[in-house]
Amino acid sequence: MNWKIPDTEYHLPIFQSGFGDGSYPVYWGYDETGEICQMVIQFIDIQLAYGEEEEEEMED
C-alpha cells in the first residue's frame, strides 16, 4: 500500500511481512547531496538464521 502522510507530499510503503514480531531494523541510504534516496528493511538476519547450521555442518 502506498500511504500518503496527511498534509504532506510524502508517501510511505505499508505492507505485511508475514513473519516475526513486526519489529525490523530500517536503514536509510543517502545520496551525494545528503538527501535520502534509499530505505532498506532487514527482515531476516542471514547470519543469525543460517550461521549456526553452517557451523554445525562444518564440524561434522
Protein backbone atom coordinates (compact mmCIF):
# COMPACT_ATOMS: atom_id res chain seq x y z
CA MET A 1 0.00 0.00 0.00
CA ASN A 2 1.34 3.44 -0.87
CA TRP A 3 0.14 5.61 2.03
CA LYS A 4 0.29 9.42 1.81
CA ILE A 5 1.12 11.21 5.05
CA PRO A 6 -1.73 13.68 5.64
CA ASP A 7 -0.98 17.33 4.89
CA THR A 8 2.32 16.47 3.18
CA GLU A 9 3.57 15.27 -0.18
CA TYR A 10 5.30 12.28 1.43
CA HIS A 11 4.35 8.68 0.76
CA LEU A 12 5.27 5.56 2.73
CA PRO A 13 5.03 1.94 1.68
CA ILE A 14 2.94 -0.15 4.08
CA PHE A 15 2.89 -3.92 3.78
CA GLN A 16 2.61 -7.14 5.75
CA SER A 17 5.81 -9.09 6.27
CA GLY A 18 4.04 -12.32 7.19
CA PHE A 19 6.52 -13.49 9.83
CA GLY A 20 8.20 -12.34 13.02
CA ASP A 21 7.13 -9.90 15.68
CA GLY A 22 6.74 -6.93 13.35
CA SER A 23 9.90 -5.18 14.52
CA TYR A 24 12.62 -4.93 11.90
CA PRO A 25 15.65 -2.64 11.64
CA VAL A 26 15.37 0.06 8.98
CA TYR A 27 18.36 1.75 7.36
CA TRP A 28 18.42 4.88 5.21
CA GLY A 29 20.72 5.47 2.28
CA TYR A 30 21.79 8.99 1.35
CA ASP A 31 22.90 10.37 -2.00
CA GLU A 32 25.91 12.65 -2.53
CA THR A 33 23.83 15.73 -1.63
CA GLY A 34 22.69 14.25 1.70
CA GLU A 35 19.15 13.52 0.55
CA ILE A 36 17.52 10.21 1.49
CA CYS A 37 17.39 8.04 -1.62
CA GLN A 38 17.02 4.51 -0.25
CA MET A 39 15.27 2.61 2.52
CA VAL A 40 16.44 -0.90 3.47
CA ILE A 41 14.39 -3.08 5.82
CA GLN A 42 16.20 -6.10 7.26
CA PHE A 43 13.51 -8.78 7.51
CA ILE A 44 15.95 -11.57 8.28
CA ASP A 45 19.48 -11.71 9.63
CA ILE A 46 21.07 -14.29 7.33
CA GLN A 47 23.98 -14.98 9.68
CA LEU A 48 21.66 -15.46 12.65
CA ALA A 49 19.19 -17.58 10.70
CA TYR A 50 21.66 -19.86 8.92
CA GLY A 51 25.04 -19.31 10.60
CA GLU A 52 24.76 -21.96 13.33
CA GLU A 53 23.52 -24.59 10.89
CA GLU A 54 26.52 -23.99 8.62
CA GLU A 55 28.93 -24.16 11.57
CA GLU A 56 27.39 -27.45 12.76
CA GLU A 57 27.68 -28.96 9.27
CA MET A 58 31.35 -27.95 9.08
CA GLU A 59 32.07 -29.61 12.44
CA ASP A 60 30.68 -33.00 11.30
